[in-house]
C-alpha atoms as a PDB file:
ATOM      1  CA  UNK A   1     146.988  21.188 -11.285  1.00  0.00           C
ATOM      2  CA  UNK A   2     145.719  19.618 -14.519  1.00  0.00           C
ATOM      3  CA  UNK A   3     146.586  21.038 -18.306  1.00  0.00           C
ATOM      4  CA  UNK A   4     143.526  22.163 -19.974  1.00  0.00           C
ATOM      5  CA  UNK A   5     143.003  21.899 -23.782  1.00  0.00           C
ATOM      6  CA  UNK A   6     145.419  24.039 -25.167  1.00  0.00           C
ATOM      7  CA  UNK A   7     148.488  23.364 -22.408  1.00  0.00           C
ATOM      8  CA  UNK A   8     146.724  25.470 -20.490  1.00  0.00           C
ATOM      9  CA  UNK A   9     146.338  25.205 -16.388  1.00  0.00           C
ATOM     10  CA  UNK A  10     143.122  24.036 -15.206  1.00  0.00           C
ATOM     11  CA  UNK A  11     141.829  25.568 -12.404  1.00  0.00           C
ATOM     12  CA  UNK A  12     139.066  22.065 -11.847  1.00  0.00           C
ATOM     13  CA  UNK A  13     140.688  18.624  -9.581  1.00  0.00           C
ATOM     14  CA  UNK A  14     141.292  15.996 -12.160  1.00  0.00           C
ATOM     15  CA  UNK A  15     138.921  13.974 -11.528  1.00  0.00           C
ATOM     16  CA  UNK A  16     136.112  16.727 -12.369  1.00  0.00           C
ATOM     17  CA  UNK A  17     138.074  17.868 -15.078  1.00  0.00           C
ATOM     18  CA  UNK A  18     138.013  13.596 -16.674  1.00  0.00           C
ATOM     19  CA  UNK A  19     134.354  13.363 -16.040  1.00  0.00           C
ATOM     20  CA  UNK A  20     133.485  16.828 -18.031  1.00  0.00           C
ATOM     21  CA  UNK A  21     135.702  15.185 -20.605  1.00  0.00           C
ATOM     22  CA  UNK A  22     133.679  11.840 -20.562  1.00  0.00           C
ATOM     23  CA  UNK A  23     130.271  13.621 -20.647  1.00  0.00           C
ATOM     24  CA  UNK A  24     130.919  15.861 -23.811  1.00  0.00           C
ATOM     25  CA  UNK A  25     132.441  12.744 -25.845  1.00  0.00           C
ATOM     26  CA  UNK A  26     129.431  10.662 -25.400  1.00  0.00           C
ATOM     27  CA  UNK A  27     126.941  13.786 -25.489  1.00  0.00           C
ATOM     28  CA  UNK A  28     128.986  14.462 -29.625  1.00  0.00           C
ATOM     29  CA  UNK A  29     128.818  10.503 -30.569  1.00  0.00           C
ATOM     30  CA  UNK A  30     128.872  10.453 -33.943  1.00  0.00           C
ATOM     31  CA  UNK A  31     125.169  10.243 -34.802  1.00  0.00           C
ATOM     32  CA  UNK A  32     123.805  11.764 -31.573  1.00  0.00           C
ATOM     33  CA  UNK A  33     122.259  14.469 -31.166  1.00  0.00           C
ATOM     34  CA  UNK A  34     120.170  16.756 -28.511  1.00  0.00           C
ATOM     35  CA  UNK A  35     116.695  16.581 -27.566  1.00  0.00           C
ATOM     36  CA  UNK A  36     115.552  19.526 -26.342  1.00  0.00           C
ATOM     37  CA  UNK A  37     112.565  19.267 -23.744  1.00  0.00           C
ATOM     38  CA  UNK A  38     112.868  22.765 -22.141  1.00  0.00           C
ATOM     39  CA  UNK A  39     109.179  23.928 -22.442  1.00  0.00           C
ATOM     40  CA  UNK A  40     107.892  25.362 -19.008  1.00  0.00           C
ATOM     41  CA  UNK A  41     104.094  24.343 -20.508  1.00  0.00           C
ATOM     42  CA  UNK A  42     102.661  21.238 -21.964  1.00  0.00           C
ATOM     43  CA  UNK A  43     104.677  19.664 -24.957  1.00  0.00           C
ATOM     44  CA  UNK A  44     101.339  18.387 -26.575  1.00  0.00           C
ATOM     45  CA  UNK A  45     100.472  21.934 -26.895  1.00  0.00           C
ATOM     46  CA  UNK A  46     102.919  22.981 -29.556  1.00  0.00           C
ATOM     47  CA  UNK A  47     100.474  20.752 -32.073  1.00  0.00           C
ATOM     48  CA  UNK A  48      97.835  22.999 -31.729  1.00  0.00           C
ATOM     49  CA  UNK A  49      95.079  20.362 -31.883  1.00  0.00           C
ATOM     50  CA  UNK A  50      92.130  20.012 -30.798  1.00  0.00           C
ATOM     51  CA  UNK A  51      91.446  17.107 -28.750  1.00  0.00           C
ATOM     52  CA  UNK A  52      95.206  18.232 -27.483  1.00  0.00           C
ATOM     53  CA  UNK A  53      94.192  20.825 -26.357  1.00  0.00           C
ATOM     54  CA  UNK A  54      91.755  19.588 -24.233  1.00  0.00           C
ATOM     55  CA  UNK A  55      94.358  17.980 -21.853  1.00  0.00           C
ATOM     56  CA  UNK A  56      94.485  20.008 -18.838  1.00  0.00           C
ATOM     57  CA  UNK A  57      98.468  21.781 -18.813  1.00  0.00           C
ATOM     58  CA  UNK A  58      99.273  20.435 -14.912  1.00  0.00           C
ATOM     59  CA  UNK A  59     102.171  18.752 -13.486  1.00  0.00           C
ATOM     60  CA  UNK A  60     101.040  15.814 -13.166  1.00  0.00           C
ATOM     61  CA  UNK A  61     100.164  15.482 -17.129  1.00  0.00           C
ATOM     62  CA  UNK A  62     103.712  17.491 -18.530  1.00  0.00           C
ATOM     63  CA  UNK A  63     104.968  14.656 -16.441  1.00  0.00           C
ATOM     64  CA  UNK A  64     103.465  11.745 -17.760  1.00  0.00           C
ATOM     65  CA  UNK A  65     103.981  12.909 -21.038  1.00  0.00           C
ATOM     66  CA  UNK A  66     107.482  14.292 -20.850  1.00  0.00           C
ATOM     67  CA  UNK A  67     108.334  10.773 -18.959  1.00  0.00           C
ATOM     68  CA  UNK A  68     106.609   8.483 -22.184  1.00  0.00           C
ATOM     69  CA  UNK A  69     108.712  10.105 -24.594  1.00  0.00           C
ATOM     70  CA  UNK A  70     111.755   9.366 -22.476  1.00  0.00           C
ATOM     71  CA  UNK A  71     110.808   5.851 -22.299  1.00  0.00           C
ATOM     72  CA  UNK A  72     110.691   5.071 -25.739  1.00  0.00           C
ATOM     73  CA  UNK A  73     112.975   2.708 -26.900  1.00  0.00           C
ATOM     74  CA  UNK A  74     115.518   3.165 -29.710  1.00  0.00           C
ATOM     75  CA  UNK A  75     115.676   6.847 -28.475  1.00  0.00           C
ATOM     76  CA  UNK A  76     119.543   6.538 -27.791  1.00  0.00           C
ATOM     77  CA  UNK A  77     120.417   5.329 -30.611  1.00  0.00           C
ATOM     78  CA  UNK A  78     119.923   9.031 -32.399  1.00  0.00           C
ATOM     79  CA  UNK A  79     119.618  11.147 -28.890  1.00  0.00           C
ATOM     80  CA  UNK A  80     122.946  11.588 -26.624  1.00  0.00           C
ATOM     81  CA  UNK A  81     121.826  13.886 -24.327  1.00  0.00           C
ATOM     82  CA  UNK A  82     117.783  15.671 -23.128  1.00  0.00           C
ATOM     83  CA  UNK A  83     117.985  19.303 -22.495  1.00  0.00           C
ATOM     84  CA  UNK A  84     115.084  19.442 -19.740  1.00  0.00           C
ATOM     85  CA  UNK A  85     112.817  21.857 -17.967  1.00  0.00           C
ATOM     86  CA  UNK A  86     113.923  22.644 -14.483  1.00  0.00           C
ATOM     87  CA  UNK A  87     110.329  21.336 -13.209  1.00  0.00           C
ATOM     88  CA  UNK A  88     111.432  18.134 -14.966  1.00  0.00           C
ATOM     89  CA  UNK A  89     114.254  17.695 -13.093  1.00  0.00           C
ATOM     90  CA  UNK A  90     112.234  17.399 -10.058  1.00  0.00           C
ATOM     91  CA  UNK A  91     109.584  15.369 -10.964  1.00  0.00           C
ATOM     92  CA  UNK A  92     108.293  11.709 -11.224  1.00  0.00           C
ATOM     93  CA  UNK A  93     106.374   9.586 -13.214  1.00  0.00           C
ATOM     94  CA  UNK A  94     102.738   7.752 -12.301  1.00  0.00           C
ATOM     95  CA  UNK A  95     105.109   5.259 -10.010  1.00  0.00           C
ATOM     96  CA  UNK A  96     107.773   7.173  -8.853  1.00  0.00           C
ATOM     97  CA  UNK A  97     110.432   6.676 -10.901  1.00  0.00           C
ATOM     98  CA  UNK A  98     112.530  10.350 -11.459  1.00  0.00           C
ATOM     99  CA  UNK A  99     112.075  11.326 -14.756  1.00  0.00           C
ATOM    100  CA  UNK A 100     116.596  11.827 -15.068  1.00  0.00           C
ATOM    101  CA  UNK A 101     116.789   8.398 -13.773  1.00  0.00           C
ATOM    102  CA  UNK A 102     114.078   6.805 -16.911  1.00  0.00           C
ATOM    103  CA  UNK A 103     116.503   9.229 -18.907  1.00  0.00           C
ATOM    104  CA  UNK A 104     119.576   7.407 -17.926  1.00  0.00           C
ATOM    105  CA  UNK A 105     118.020   4.102 -18.296  1.00  0.00           C
ATOM    106  CA  UNK A 106     116.974   4.640 -21.487  1.00  0.00           C
ATOM    107  CA  UNK A 107     120.711   4.955 -22.517  1.00  0.00           C
ATOM    108  CA  UNK A 108     121.018   9.185 -22.626  1.00  0.00           C
ATOM    109  CA  UNK A 109     122.315  11.756 -20.427  1.00  0.00           C
ATOM    110  CA  UNK A 110     120.005  14.506 -18.382  1.00  0.00           C
ATOM    111  CA  UNK A 111     120.844  17.987 -18.882  1.00  0.00           C
ATOM    112  CA  UNK A 112     119.140  21.509 -17.527  1.00  0.00           C
ATOM    113  CA  UNK A 113     118.660  24.999 -18.841  1.00  0.00           C
ATOM    114  CA  UNK A 114     119.916  27.838 -16.703  1.00  0.00           C
ATOM    115  CA  UNK A 115     119.114  30.494 -17.660  1.00  0.00           C
ATOM    116  CA  UNK A 116     116.071  32.618 -16.871  1.00  0.00           C
ATOM    117  CA  UNK A 117     115.003  34.520 -20.614  1.00  0.00           C
ATOM    118  CA  UNK A 118     115.919  37.620 -21.028  1.00  0.00           C
ATOM    119  CA  UNK A 119     115.859  41.034 -19.558  1.00  0.00           C
ATOM    120  CA  UNK A 120     113.514  43.488 -21.943  1.00  0.00           C
ATOM    121  CA  UNK A 121     114.922  46.275 -20.211  1.00  0.00           C
ATOM    122  CA  UNK A 122     118.122  45.360 -21.877  1.00  0.00           C
ATOM    123  CA  UNK A 123     121.735  46.084 -20.748  1.00  0.00           C
ATOM    124  CA  UNK A 124     120.948  49.767 -20.152  1.00  0.00           C
ATOM    125  CA  UNK A 125     118.413  49.303 -17.667  1.00  0.00           C
ATOM    126  CA  UNK A 126     115.845  50.985 -19.339  1.00  0.00           C
ATOM    127  CA  UNK A 127     112.918  50.708 -21.723  1.00  0.00           C
ATOM    128  CA  UNK A 128     114.877  52.859 -24.332  1.00  0.00           C
ATOM    129  CA  UNK A 129     119.574  53.422 -24.399  1.00  0.00           C
ATOM    130  CA  UNK A 130     121.306  55.323 -25.660  1.00  0.00           C
ATOM    131  CA  UNK A 131     120.543  54.538 -29.757  1.00  0.00           C
ATOM    132  CA  UNK A 132     116.059  54.530 -28.738  1.00  0.00           C
ATOM    133  CA  UNK A 133     115.607  51.451 -28.275  1.00  0.00           C
ATOM    134  CA  UNK A 134     117.024  48.528 -25.860  1.00  0.00           C
ATOM    135  CA  UNK A 135     119.280  45.602 -26.800  1.00  0.00           C
ATOM    136  CA  UNK A 136     117.980  42.486 -24.473  1.00  0.00           C
ATOM    137  CA  UNK A 137     120.310  40.869 -21.891  1.00  0.00           C
ATOM    138  CA  UNK A 138     119.989  37.358 -21.409  1.00  0.00           C
ATOM    139  CA  UNK A 139     119.337  36.552 -16.808  1.00  0.00           C
ATOM    140  CA  UNK A 140     120.069  33.822 -14.163  1.00  0.00           C
ATOM    141  CA  UNK A 141     124.218  34.627 -13.487  1.00  0.00           C
ATOM    142  CA  UNK A 142     122.986  35.774  -9.799  1.00  0.00           C
ATOM    143  CA  UNK A 143     122.227  32.231  -8.059  1.00  0.00           C
ATOM    144  CA  UNK A 144     123.844  29.884 -11.005  1.00  0.00           C
ATOM    145  CA  UNK A 145     126.205  28.587  -9.079  1.00  0.00           C
ATOM    146  CA  UNK A 146     123.404  27.032  -6.880  1.00  0.00           C
ATOM    147  CA  UNK A 147     121.510  25.788  -9.367  1.00  0.00           C
ATOM    148  CA  UNK A 148     123.804  23.940 -11.107  1.00  0.00           C
ATOM    149  CA  UNK A 149     124.967  22.455  -8.164  1.00  0.00           C
ATOM    150  CA  UNK A 150     121.610  21.377  -7.083  1.00  0.00           C
ATOM    151  CA  UNK A 151     121.432  20.024 -10.770  1.00  0.00           C
ATOM    152  CA  UNK A 152     124.084  18.318 -10.742  1.00  0.00           C
ATOM    153  CA  UNK A 153     123.197  16.603  -7.102  1.00  0.00           C
ATOM    154  CA  UNK A 154     119.945  15.802  -9.152  1.00  0.00           C
ATOM    155  CA  UNK A 155     121.652  14.214 -11.955  1.00  0.00           C
ATOM    156  CA  UNK A 156     122.314  16.644 -14.561  1.00  0.00           C
ATOM    157  CA  UNK A 157     125.933  16.223 -16.397  1.00  0.00           C
ATOM    158  CA  UNK A 158     125.314  19.240 -18.609  1.00  0.00           C
ATOM    159  CA  UNK A 159     123.564  22.731 -19.025  1.00  0.00           C
ATOM    160  CA  UNK A 160     122.447  24.782 -21.689  1.00  0.00           C
ATOM    161  CA  UNK A 161     122.280  28.786 -21.304  1.00  0.00           C
ATOM    162  CA  UNK A 162     120.539  30.715 -24.464  1.00  0.00           C
ATOM    163  CA  UNK A 163     121.780  34.269 -24.768  1.00  0.00           C
ATOM    164  CA  UNK A 164     120.155  36.348 -27.801  1.00  0.00           C
ATOM    165  CA  UNK A 165     121.783  38.770 -29.811  1.00  0.00           C
ATOM    166  CA  UNK A 166     119.650  41.216 -31.600  1.00  0.00           C
ATOM    167  CA  UNK A 167     120.934  41.514 -35.654  1.00  0.00           C
ATOM    168  CA  UNK A 168     119.554  45.557 -36.753  1.00  0.00           C
ATOM    169  CA  UNK A 169     122.203  47.136 -38.899  1.00  0.00           C
ATOM    170  CA  UNK A 170     119.648  49.858 -39.694  1.00  0.00           C
ATOM    171  CA  UNK A 171     119.466  50.259 -35.542  1.00  0.00           C
ATOM    172  CA  UNK A 172     123.338  49.317 -35.242  1.00  0.00           C
ATOM    173  CA  UNK A 173     122.932  46.466 -33.570  1.00  0.00           C
ATOM    174  CA  UNK A 174     124.521  44.581 -31.968  1.00  0.00           C
ATOM    175  CA  UNK A 175     125.979  47.379 -29.786  1.00  0.00           C
ATOM    176  CA  UNK A 176     130.062  46.729 -28.690  1.00  0.00           C
ATOM    177  CA  UNK A 177     128.199  46.929 -25.499  1.00  0.00           C
ATOM    178  CA  UNK A 178     125.919  43.825 -26.536  1.00  0.00           C
ATOM    179  CA  UNK A 179     128.490  42.200 -27.910  1.00  0.00           C
ATOM    180  CA  UNK A 180     130.950  42.317 -24.865  1.00  0.00           C
ATOM    181  CA  UNK A 181     127.876  41.823 -22.194  1.00  0.00           C
ATOM    182  CA  UNK A 182     127.413  38.425 -24.672  1.00  0.00           C
ATOM    183  CA  UNK A 183     130.469  37.252 -24.487  1.00  0.00           C
ATOM    184  CA  UNK A 184     131.142  38.149 -20.993  1.00  0.00           C
ATOM    185  CA  UNK A 185     127.811  36.503 -19.283  1.00  0.00           C
ATOM    186  CA  UNK A 186     128.377  32.972 -21.895  1.00  0.00           C
ATOM    187  CA  UNK A 187     131.203  32.807 -20.469  1.00  0.00           C
ATOM    188  CA  UNK A 188     130.444  33.554 -16.650  1.00  0.00           C
ATOM    189  CA  UNK A 189     128.194  30.864 -17.770  1.00  0.00           C
ATOM    190  CA  UNK A 190     130.517  27.915 -18.912  1.00  0.00           C
ATOM    191  CA  UNK A 191     133.488  28.628 -15.595  1.00  0.00           C
ATOM    192  CA  UNK A 192     130.523  28.402 -13.197  1.00  0.00           C
ATOM    193  CA  UNK A 193     128.596  25.008 -14.843  1.00  0.00           C
ATOM    194  CA  UNK A 194     131.760  23.445 -15.247  1.00  0.00           C
ATOM    195  CA  UNK A 195     132.917  23.631 -12.058  1.00  0.00           C
ATOM    196  CA  UNK A 196     129.775  22.209 -10.468  1.00  0.00           C
ATOM    197  CA  UNK A 197     130.416  19.370 -13.116  1.00  0.00           C
ATOM    198  CA  UNK A 198     127.980  20.382 -15.349  1.00  0.00           C
ATOM    199  CA  UNK A 199     129.033  20.355 -19.333  1.00  0.00           C
ATOM    200  CA  UNK A 200     127.677  23.733 -20.995  1.00  0.00           C
ATOM    201  CA  UNK A 201     126.586  24.083 -24.075  1.00  0.00           C
ATOM    202  CA  UNK A 202     127.274  27.717 -25.245  1.00  0.00           C
ATOM    203  CA  UNK A 203     124.155  29.652 -27.475  1.00  0.00           C
ATOM    204  CA  UNK A 204     124.445  32.685 -28.417  1.00  0.00           C
ATOM    205  CA  UNK A 205     121.390  33.252 -30.998  1.00  0.00           C
ATOM    206  CA  UNK A 206     121.865  35.868 -33.689  1.00  0.00           C
ATOM    207  CA  UNK A 207     118.067  37.262 -33.582  1.00  0.00           C
ATOM    208  CA  UNK A 208     117.074  39.328 -36.327  1.00  0.00           C
ATOM    209  CA  UNK A 209     115.029  42.132 -35.319  1.00  0.00           C
END
């Protein structure tokens, strides 16, 4: 058993812990940031350009657009990690090359978004909670172990989980339960992802209502 940060015993094997530290070091290298490319729809649609809107939003076009972006020369000078949508993890370009390999060959680390969005019924499981309104709860823990394992096998080396915490003092939000649920969910996600070799990006997002 090795020691983690702070001198606490680590339950991870020494080789896995070393790999996680190496990945984290590369992701946090000075001058490097992340490229968030985890959109489910065609990224070109964000431009809201008339000509762009004519391009069909199908898997083949999304793969070509993503592979073109990730192969940009010099991109790794400022980008350390690329956050992918689950679909992208398994995609290939027109020549049959895996997109994760395009990213790695261009000097960047592939990562994966693993949360499944939020449950609109909220942490109470009903449309209306005891305060007269719902508080959203991020979902995706149920099969996270299997998905993280699969992502690592496909070449991902870090993960991202976004957990929404609503802020509205007039409605007494967030409640203590919502804060505890957010902390517990993020902690479980981080623990599971590390156990499968993925460096966790922990993203609590405070959203004003």
